[in-house]
Amino acid sequence: MTSLHEFRATTIDGQEQPLSMYDGKVALVVNTASKCGFTPQYEGLQQLWDKYGDDGFVVLGFPCDQFGHQEPGDEAEISGFCQTNYGVSFPMFAKIDVNGADAHPLYQWLRDQKGGVLGDRIKWNFTKFLIGRDGQVIDRFGPSTKPAKIAGDIEAALAP
């Protein structure tokens, strides 16, 4: 695979979805968790979605339970938590693995495109990948990078 748009993923409500539906959009792909010290970043991710969504930007949230068992719930619990606590309305997907033999193919590709401090492994929850309109990885941001700090990069990627 050579582009975000070539992958498929299961939405949080169980529907298989081609990521080609985001062709032409700038995307921020984030592995999320509901019981993490970084969980409040949901608020900032929602703010980015609210601010830039009409300009061709989307946040794609992928819950993951590989780091300290911080996403123990099922998809219904995750969805309810995100909506109730953070008003999340950006697309969320079914829980996946981001590292190891069972890692979702999208995350295998993302890790290959932009290694991080730990080589190609995802270090923790809320690692963020900024994807251009062409489906290519622009940059990778660590868990401690607050969503607001990425706004300038999003604006640059959205610029004609």
N, C-alpha and C. Protein backbone atom coordinates (compact mmCIF):
# COMPACT_ATOMS: atom_id res chain seq x y z
N MET A 1 0.84 -1.18 0.00
CA MET A 1 0.00 0.00 0.00
C MET A 1 0.89 1.24 0.00
N THR A 2 0.42 2.25 -0.69
CA THR A 2 1.24 3.45 -0.83
C THR A 2 0.52 4.73 -0.43
N SER A 3 -0.69 4.63 0.11
CA SER A 3 -1.47 5.81 0.45
C SER A 3 -2.52 5.46 1.50
N LEU A 4 -2.85 6.42 2.34
CA LEU A 4 -3.94 6.25 3.31
C LEU A 4 -5.20 5.76 2.61
N HIS A 5 -5.42 6.26 1.41
CA HIS A 5 -6.67 6.02 0.69
C HIS A 5 -6.83 4.59 0.19
N GLU A 6 -5.79 3.77 0.30
CA GLU A 6 -5.86 2.38 -0.15
C GLU A 6 -6.32 1.42 0.95
N PHE A 7 -6.45 1.92 2.17
CA PHE A 7 -6.80 1.06 3.31
C PHE A 7 -8.29 1.06 3.58
N ARG A 8 -8.70 0.07 4.34
CA ARG A 8 -10.07 -0.04 4.84
C ARG A 8 -9.98 -0.17 6.35
N ALA A 9 -11.03 0.28 7.03
CA ALA A 9 -11.08 0.14 8.49
C ALA A 9 -12.54 -0.03 8.90
N THR A 10 -12.74 -0.59 10.06
CA THR A 10 -14.09 -0.79 10.60
C THR A 10 -14.43 0.39 11.49
N THR A 11 -15.56 1.03 11.23
CA THR A 11 -15.98 2.16 12.05
C THR A 11 -16.35 1.68 13.45
N ILE A 12 -16.46 2.60 14.36
CA ILE A 12 -16.76 2.24 15.75
C ILE A 12 -18.13 1.58 15.89
N ASP A 13 -19.00 1.78 14.89
CA ASP A 13 -20.31 1.12 14.92
C ASP A 13 -20.36 -0.11 14.03
N GLY A 14 -19.16 -0.61 13.62
CA GLY A 14 -19.07 -1.91 12.97
C GLY A 14 -19.20 -1.94 11.45
N GLN A 15 -19.16 -0.80 10.81
CA GLN A 15 -19.26 -0.76 9.34
C GLN A 15 -17.87 -0.75 8.71
N GLU A 16 -17.68 -1.60 7.72
CA GLU A 16 -16.41 -1.60 6.98
C GLU A 16 -16.39 -0.35 6.09
N GLN A 17 -15.28 0.39 6.13
CA GLN A 17 -15.23 1.66 5.41
C GLN A 17 -13.92 1.80 4.63
N PRO A 18 -14.01 2.14 3.35
CA PRO A 18 -12.78 2.43 2.61
C PRO A 18 -12.27 3.82 3.01
N LEU A 19 -10.99 3.92 3.30
CA LEU A 19 -10.44 5.22 3.66
C LEU A 19 -10.28 6.11 2.43
N SER A 20 -10.57 5.56 1.26
CA SER A 20 -10.56 6.38 0.04
C SER A 20 -11.62 7.48 0.12
N MET A 21 -12.57 7.33 1.02
CA MET A 21 -13.59 8.38 1.16
C MET A 21 -12.97 9.68 1.69
N TYR A 22 -11.73 9.62 2.16
CA TYR A 22 -11.04 10.82 2.64
C TYR A 22 -10.04 11.34 1.61
N ASP A 23 -10.10 10.80 0.40
CA ASP A 23 -9.25 11.29 -0.69
C ASP A 23 -9.49 12.79 -0.86
N GLY A 24 -8.42 13.56 -0.96
CA GLY A 24 -8.55 15.01 -1.12
C GLY A 24 -8.65 15.76 0.18
N LYS A 25 -8.70 15.06 1.30
CA LYS A 25 -8.75 15.70 2.61
C LYS A 25 -7.40 15.57 3.32
N VAL A 26 -7.13 16.50 4.20
CA VAL A 26 -5.99 16.41 5.10
C VAL A 26 -6.51 15.65 6.32
N ALA A 27 -5.78 14.63 6.76
CA ALA A 27 -6.24 13.80 7.87
C ALA A 27 -5.21 13.78 9.00
N LEU A 28 -5.72 13.72 10.22
CA LEU A 28 -4.87 13.49 11.39
C LEU A 28 -5.32 12.15 11.96
N VAL A 29 -4.45 11.14 11.85
CA VAL A 29 -4.74 9.79 12.31
C VAL A 29 -4.13 9.65 13.71
N VAL A 30 -4.97 9.27 14.69
CA VAL A 30 -4.55 9.25 16.09
C VAL A 30 -4.99 7.94 16.76
N ASN A 31 -4.06 7.29 17.46
CA ASN A 31 -4.45 6.14 18.29
C ASN A 31 -4.86 6.68 19.66
N THR A 32 -6.06 6.33 20.09
CA THR A 32 -6.66 6.95 21.27
C THR A 32 -6.88 5.94 22.40
N ALA A 33 -7.17 6.47 23.57
CA ALA A 33 -7.50 5.64 24.74
C ALA A 33 -8.31 6.49 25.71
N SER A 34 -9.24 5.86 26.41
CA SER A 34 -10.16 6.57 27.30
C SER A 34 -9.65 6.75 28.73
N LYS A 35 -8.62 6.00 29.13
CA LYS A 35 -8.16 6.06 30.51
C LYS A 35 -6.66 6.39 30.58
N CYS A 36 -6.25 7.34 29.77
CA CYS A 36 -4.85 7.71 29.63
C CYS A 36 -4.67 9.14 30.13
N GLY A 37 -3.46 9.45 30.57
CA GLY A 37 -3.17 10.83 30.96
C GLY A 37 -3.35 11.80 29.80
N PHE A 38 -3.27 11.31 28.57
CA PHE A 38 -3.43 12.16 27.39
C PHE A 38 -4.88 12.20 26.89
N THR A 39 -5.78 11.48 27.54
CA THR A 39 -7.18 11.42 27.10
C THR A 39 -7.81 12.81 26.92
N PRO A 40 -7.49 13.80 27.75
CA PRO A 40 -8.07 15.13 27.53
C PRO A 40 -7.74 15.73 26.15
N GLN A 41 -6.78 15.13 25.43
CA GLN A 41 -6.49 15.61 24.08
C GLN A 41 -7.69 15.42 23.15
N TYR A 42 -8.65 14.57 23.53
CA TYR A 42 -9.87 14.46 22.73
C TYR A 42 -10.49 15.84 22.52
N GLU A 43 -10.44 16.66 23.55
CA GLU A 43 -11.02 18.01 23.45
C GLU A 43 -10.32 18.81 22.35
N GLY A 44 -8.99 18.78 22.35
CA GLY A 44 -8.23 19.51 21.34
C GLY A 44 -8.43 18.94 19.94
N LEU A 45 -8.53 17.62 19.84
CA LEU A 45 -8.78 17.00 18.54
C LEU A 45 -10.14 17.44 18.00
N GLN A 46 -11.14 17.48 18.88
CA GLN A 46 -12.47 17.92 18.47
C GLN A 46 -12.43 19.39 18.04
N GLN A 47 -11.66 20.21 18.73
CA GLN A 47 -11.54 21.62 18.35
C GLN A 47 -10.91 21.77 16.96
N LEU A 48 -9.90 20.95 16.65
CA LEU A 48 -9.31 20.99 15.31
C LEU A 48 -10.34 20.60 14.26
N TRP A 49 -11.10 19.54 14.55
CA TRP A 49 -12.14 19.06 13.64
C TRP A 49 -13.19 20.16 13.42
N ASP A 50 -13.61 20.81 14.51
CA ASP A 50 -14.60 21.89 14.41
C ASP A 50 -14.06 23.07 13.59
N LYS A 51 -12.80 23.40 13.80
CA LYS A 51 -12.21 24.58 13.15
C LYS A 51 -11.92 24.35 11.67
N TYR A 52 -11.39 23.17 11.32
CA TYR A 52 -10.90 22.96 9.95
C TYR A 52 -11.72 21.96 9.13
N GLY A 53 -12.71 21.33 9.75
CA GLY A 53 -13.49 20.31 9.06
C GLY A 53 -14.11 20.79 7.76
N ASP A 54 -14.63 22.01 7.75
CA ASP A 54 -15.26 22.55 6.54
C ASP A 54 -14.23 22.92 5.47
N ASP A 55 -12.96 22.95 5.85
CA ASP A 55 -11.89 23.29 4.90
C ASP A 55 -11.24 22.06 4.27
N GLY A 56 -11.75 20.87 4.61
CA GLY A 56 -11.17 19.65 4.03
C GLY A 56 -10.26 18.90 4.97
N PHE A 57 -10.49 19.03 6.26
CA PHE A 57 -9.67 18.34 7.27
C PHE A 57 -10.53 17.35 8.03
N VAL A 58 -9.93 16.23 8.42
CA VAL A 58 -10.64 15.23 9.23
C VAL A 58 -9.69 14.61 10.26
N VAL A 59 -10.22 14.34 11.44
CA VAL A 59 -9.51 13.58 12.46
C VAL A 59 -10.05 12.16 12.38
N LEU A 60 -9.16 11.17 12.38
CA LEU A 60 -9.56 9.76 12.37
C LEU A 60 -9.02 9.11 13.64
N GLY A 61 -9.92 8.75 14.55
CA GLY A 61 -9.52 8.18 15.84
C GLY A 61 -9.58 6.66 15.84
N PHE A 62 -8.48 6.05 16.28
CA PHE A 62 -8.37 4.59 16.34
C PHE A 62 -8.07 4.16 17.77
N PRO A 63 -9.09 3.78 18.53
CA PRO A 63 -8.85 3.32 19.90
C PRO A 63 -7.90 2.11 19.93
N CYS A 64 -7.06 2.08 20.96
CA CYS A 64 -6.06 1.01 21.08
C CYS A 64 -5.87 0.69 22.57
N ASP A 65 -5.76 -0.59 22.88
CA ASP A 65 -5.61 -1.03 24.27
C ASP A 65 -4.24 -1.64 24.52
N GLN A 66 -3.24 -1.27 23.73
CA GLN A 66 -1.91 -1.88 23.86
C GLN A 66 -1.00 -1.20 24.87
N PHE A 67 -1.43 -0.08 25.43
CA PHE A 67 -0.56 0.67 26.32
C PHE A 67 -1.20 0.77 27.70
N GLY A 68 -0.76 -0.07 28.62
CA GLY A 68 -1.24 -0.02 30.00
C GLY A 68 -2.71 -0.35 30.17
N HIS A 69 -3.31 -1.07 29.22
CA HIS A 69 -4.73 -1.46 29.30
C HIS A 69 -5.60 -0.23 29.57
N GLN A 70 -5.32 0.85 28.80
CA GLN A 70 -6.01 2.12 29.03
C GLN A 70 -7.22 2.32 28.12
N GLU A 71 -7.56 1.29 27.33
CA GLU A 71 -8.79 1.32 26.53
C GLU A 71 -9.49 -0.03 26.67
N PRO A 72 -9.97 -0.33 27.90
CA PRO A 72 -10.52 -1.66 28.18
C PRO A 72 -11.92 -1.90 27.63
N GLY A 73 -12.68 -0.85 27.34
CA GLY A 73 -14.07 -1.01 26.95
C GLY A 73 -14.26 -1.53 25.54
N ASP A 74 -15.52 -1.87 25.24
CA ASP A 74 -15.85 -2.26 23.87
C ASP A 74 -16.20 -0.99 23.08
N GLU A 75 -16.51 -1.16 21.81
CA GLU A 75 -16.74 -0.01 20.95
C GLU A 75 -17.89 0.88 21.43
N ALA A 76 -18.97 0.27 21.91
CA ALA A 76 -20.11 1.06 22.40
C ALA A 76 -19.70 1.91 23.61
N GLU A 77 -18.92 1.33 24.52
CA GLU A 77 -18.46 2.07 25.69
C GLU A 77 -17.51 3.20 25.28
N ILE A 78 -16.62 2.91 24.35
CA ILE A 78 -15.67 3.93 23.87
C ILE A 78 -16.42 5.08 23.23
N SER A 79 -17.34 4.76 22.35
CA SER A 79 -18.12 5.79 21.65
C SER A 79 -18.89 6.64 22.65
N GLY A 80 -19.56 6.00 23.59
CA GLY A 80 -20.33 6.73 24.60
C GLY A 80 -19.45 7.64 25.43
N PHE A 81 -18.28 7.13 25.84
CA PHE A 81 -17.34 7.92 26.63
C PHE A 81 -16.90 9.16 25.86
N CYS A 82 -16.52 8.97 24.60
CA CYS A 82 -16.02 10.09 23.78
C CYS A 82 -17.09 11.15 23.56
N GLN A 83 -18.30 10.73 23.29
CA GLN A 83 -19.38 11.68 23.04
C GLN A 83 -19.80 12.38 24.32
N THR A 84 -19.95 11.63 25.41
CA THR A 84 -20.42 12.21 26.67
C THR A 84 -19.40 13.16 27.28
N ASN A 85 -18.13 12.76 27.29
CA ASN A 85 -17.10 13.54 27.98
C ASN A 85 -16.43 14.61 27.13
N TYR A 86 -16.37 14.39 25.81
CA TYR A 86 -15.63 15.33 24.96
C TYR A 86 -16.40 15.79 23.74
N GLY A 87 -17.64 15.36 23.58
CA GLY A 87 -18.44 15.78 22.44
C GLY A 87 -17.85 15.37 21.11
N VAL A 88 -17.14 14.25 21.09
CA VAL A 88 -16.45 13.82 19.86
C VAL A 88 -17.46 13.53 18.75
N SER A 89 -17.25 14.20 17.62
CA SER A 89 -18.09 13.95 16.44
C SER A 89 -17.25 13.58 15.22
N PHE A 90 -15.92 13.60 15.37
CA PHE A 90 -15.08 13.19 14.24
C PHE A 90 -15.13 11.66 14.12
N PRO A 91 -14.76 11.10 12.97
CA PRO A 91 -14.85 9.65 12.77
C PRO A 91 -13.98 8.86 13.74
N MET A 92 -14.62 7.89 14.37
CA MET A 92 -13.91 6.96 15.26
C MET A 92 -14.06 5.56 14.68
N PHE A 93 -13.06 4.74 14.92
CA PHE A 93 -13.02 3.40 14.36
C PHE A 93 -13.00 2.36 15.48
N ALA A 94 -13.15 1.10 15.09
CA ALA A 94 -13.11 0.00 16.05
C ALA A 94 -11.70 -0.10 16.64
N LYS A 95 -11.64 -0.66 17.84
CA LYS A 95 -10.38 -0.83 18.55
C LYS A 95 -9.43 -1.70 17.72
N ILE A 96 -8.17 -1.28 17.65
CA ILE A 96 -7.16 -1.99 16.87
C ILE A 96 -5.87 -2.11 17.66
N ASP A 97 -4.95 -2.92 17.14
CA ASP A 97 -3.56 -2.92 17.60
C ASP A 97 -2.76 -2.02 16.66
N VAL A 98 -1.81 -1.30 17.23
CA VAL A 98 -0.96 -0.43 16.40
C VAL A 98 0.47 -0.94 16.31
N ASN A 99 0.83 -1.88 17.18
CA ASN A 99 2.16 -2.50 17.17
C ASN A 99 1.99 -4.02 17.14
N GLY A 100 3.06 -4.71 16.77
CA GLY A 100 3.06 -6.16 16.86
C GLY A 100 2.48 -6.86 15.64
N ALA A 101 2.42 -8.18 15.76
CA ALA A 101 2.00 -9.03 14.64
C ALA A 101 0.55 -8.78 14.23
N ASP A 102 -0.29 -8.33 15.16
CA ASP A 102 -1.70 -8.10 14.84
C ASP A 102 -2.02 -6.64 14.56
N ALA A 103 -0.99 -5.83 14.35
CA ALA A 103 -1.23 -4.41 14.08
C ALA A 103 -2.06 -4.25 12.81
N HIS A 104 -2.97 -3.29 12.86
CA HIS A 104 -3.80 -2.99 11.69
C HIS A 104 -2.86 -2.61 10.53
N PRO A 105 -3.16 -3.06 9.31
CA PRO A 105 -2.30 -2.73 8.16
C PRO A 105 -2.05 -1.23 7.99
N LEU A 106 -3.03 -0.40 8.32
CA LEU A 106 -2.83 1.05 8.23
C LEU A 106 -1.68 1.46 9.12
N TYR A 107 -1.65 0.94 10.34
CA TYR A 107 -0.59 1.33 11.28
C TYR A 107 0.75 0.70 10.91
N GLN A 108 0.75 -0.46 10.31
CA GLN A 108 2.01 -1.01 9.80
C GLN A 108 2.59 -0.05 8.77
N TRP A 109 1.73 0.45 7.89
CA TRP A 109 2.17 1.39 6.85
C TRP A 109 2.62 2.72 7.45
N LEU A 110 1.82 3.27 8.38
CA LEU A 110 2.18 4.54 9.01
C LEU A 110 3.54 4.45 9.69
N ARG A 111 3.76 3.37 10.41
CA ARG A 111 5.05 3.20 11.11
C ARG A 111 6.19 3.11 10.11
N ASP A 112 5.97 2.43 8.98
CA ASP A 112 7.00 2.34 7.95
C ASP A 112 7.31 3.71 7.34
N GLN A 113 6.28 4.54 7.21
CA GLN A 113 6.45 5.85 6.58
C GLN A 113 7.21 6.83 7.47
N LYS A 114 6.88 6.82 8.75
CA LYS A 114 7.51 7.77 9.67
C LYS A 114 7.86 7.07 10.97
N GLY A 115 9.08 6.61 11.08
CA GLY A 115 9.54 6.02 12.33
C GLY A 115 9.59 7.10 13.40
N GLY A 116 9.64 6.69 14.63
CA GLY A 116 9.70 7.66 15.73
C GLY A 116 10.92 7.40 16.59
N VAL A 117 10.85 7.86 17.82
CA VAL A 117 11.97 7.70 18.74
C VAL A 117 12.29 6.23 18.98
N LEU A 118 11.28 5.38 18.92
CA LEU A 118 11.50 3.96 19.16
C LEU A 118 11.57 3.20 17.83
N GLY A 119 12.14 3.81 16.82
CA GLY A 119 12.16 3.17 15.51
C GLY A 119 10.78 3.26 14.91
N ASP A 120 10.27 2.12 14.45
CA ASP A 120 8.96 2.21 13.81
C ASP A 120 7.80 1.95 14.78
N ARG A 121 8.08 1.64 16.03
CA ARG A 121 7.00 1.35 16.99
C ARG A 121 6.25 2.62 17.39
N ILE A 122 4.97 2.44 17.70
CA ILE A 122 4.20 3.53 18.30
C ILE A 122 4.55 3.52 19.78
N LYS A 123 4.90 4.67 20.30
CA LYS A 123 5.40 4.77 21.68
C LYS A 123 4.27 4.69 22.72
N TRP A 124 3.13 5.34 22.44
CA TRP A 124 2.06 5.42 23.43
C TRP A 124 0.79 5.91 22.76
N ASN A 125 -0.27 6.00 23.55
CA ASN A 125 -1.54 6.54 23.07
C ASN A 125 -1.36 7.99 22.58
N PHE A 126 -2.19 8.38 21.67
CA PHE A 126 -2.26 9.74 21.13
C PHE A 126 -1.03 10.13 20.32
N THR A 127 -0.41 9.13 19.67
CA THR A 127 0.58 9.42 18.63
C THR A 127 -0.22 9.86 17.42
N LYS A 128 0.24 10.92 16.75
CA LYS A 128 -0.54 11.52 15.67
C LYS A 128 0.25 11.51 14.36
N PHE A 129 -0.45 11.18 13.28
CA PHE A 129 0.14 11.22 11.94
C PHE A 129 -0.67 12.20 11.10
N LEU A 130 0.00 13.21 10.55
CA LEU A 130 -0.66 14.16 9.67
C LEU A 130 -0.49 13.66 8.23
N ILE A 131 -1.61 13.52 7.55
CA ILE A 131 -1.64 12.97 6.19
C ILE A 131 -2.12 14.05 5.24
N GLY A 132 -1.41 14.22 4.12
CA GLY A 132 -1.79 15.23 3.13
C GLY A 132 -2.98 14.80 2.29
N ARG A 133 -3.49 15.72 1.49
CA ARG A 133 -4.64 15.46 0.62
C ARG A 133 -4.38 14.28 -0.32
N ASP A 134 -3.10 14.04 -0.62
CA ASP A 134 -2.72 12.95 -1.53
C ASP A 134 -2.61 11.60 -0.83
N GLY A 135 -2.87 11.58 0.48
CA GLY A 135 -2.82 10.33 1.23
C GLY A 135 -1.44 9.97 1.75
N GLN A 136 -0.48 10.87 1.58
CA GLN A 136 0.89 10.61 2.03
C GLN A 136 1.14 11.22 3.41
N VAL A 137 1.98 10.55 4.21
CA VAL A 137 2.30 11.04 5.55
C VAL A 137 3.18 12.28 5.44
N ILE A 138 2.73 13.34 6.10
CA ILE A 138 3.50 14.59 6.15
C ILE A 138 4.42 14.58 7.36
N ASP A 139 3.86 14.21 8.53
CA ASP A 139 4.66 14.25 9.76
C ASP A 139 4.02 13.36 10.82
N ARG A 140 4.83 13.08 11.82
CA ARG A 140 4.40 12.28 12.97
C ARG A 140 4.65 13.13 14.21
N PHE A 141 3.69 13.08 15.14
CA PHE A 141 3.79 13.86 16.37
C PHE A 141 3.63 12.92 17.56
N GLY A 142 4.45 13.10 18.58
CA GLY A 142 4.41 12.25 19.75
C GLY A 142 3.18 12.51 20.61
N PRO A 143 2.93 11.61 21.55
CA PRO A 143 1.76 11.72 22.42
C PRO A 143 1.67 13.04 23.19
N SER A 144 2.81 13.60 23.58
CA SER A 144 2.77 14.83 24.38
C SER A 144 2.50 16.08 23.55
N THR A 145 2.51 15.96 22.22
CA THR A 145 2.21 17.11 21.36
C THR A 145 0.71 17.37 21.41
N LYS A 146 0.34 18.50 21.98
CA LYS A 146 -1.08 18.84 22.09
C LYS A 146 -1.63 19.16 20.70
N PRO A 147 -2.87 18.80 20.45
CA PRO A 147 -3.46 19.05 19.14
C PRO A 147 -3.33 20.49 18.65
N ALA A 148 -3.48 21.47 19.54
CA ALA A 148 -3.39 22.88 19.14
C ALA A 148 -2.03 23.20 18.52
N LYS A 149 -0.98 22.50 18.95
CA LYS A 149 0.37 22.75 18.42
C LYS A 149 0.50 22.31 16.96
N ILE A 150 -0.45 21.51 16.48
CA ILE A 150 -0.39 20.98 15.11
C ILE A 150 -1.18 21.88 14.15
N ALA A 151 -1.90 22.87 14.68
CA ALA A 151 -2.77 23.71 13.86
C ALA A 151 -2.02 24.34 12.68
N GLY A 152 -0.82 24.85 12.92
CA GLY A 152 -0.06 25.47 11.83
C GLY A 152 0.28 24.49 10.73
N ASP A 153 0.62 23.27 11.11
CA ASP A 153 0.92 22.22 10.12
C ASP A 153 -0.33 21.86 9.34
N ILE A 154 -1.46 21.83 10.01
CA ILE A 154 -2.74 21.54 9.33
C ILE A 154 -3.06 22.64 8.34
N GLU A 155 -2.90 23.88 8.77
CA GLU A 155 -3.16 25.01 7.88
C GLU A 155 -2.27 24.98 6.66
N ALA A 156 -0.99 24.64 6.86
CA ALA A 156 -0.06 24.55 5.72
C ALA A 156 -0.49 23.44 4.76
N ALA A 157 -0.93 22.32 5.32
CA ALA A 157 -1.36 21.20 4.47
C ALA A 157 -2.66 21.51 3.73
N LEU A 158 -3.51 22.34 4.32
CA LEU A 158 -4.76 22.71 3.68
C LEU A 158 -4.60 23.80 2.64
N ALA A 159 -3.48 24.55 2.72
CA ALA A 159 -3.27 25.66 1.78
C ALA A 159 -3.22 25.15 0.34
N PRO A 160 -3.80 25.93 -0.57
CA PRO A 160 -3.81 25.50 -1.99
C PRO A 160 -2.42 25.44 -2.58
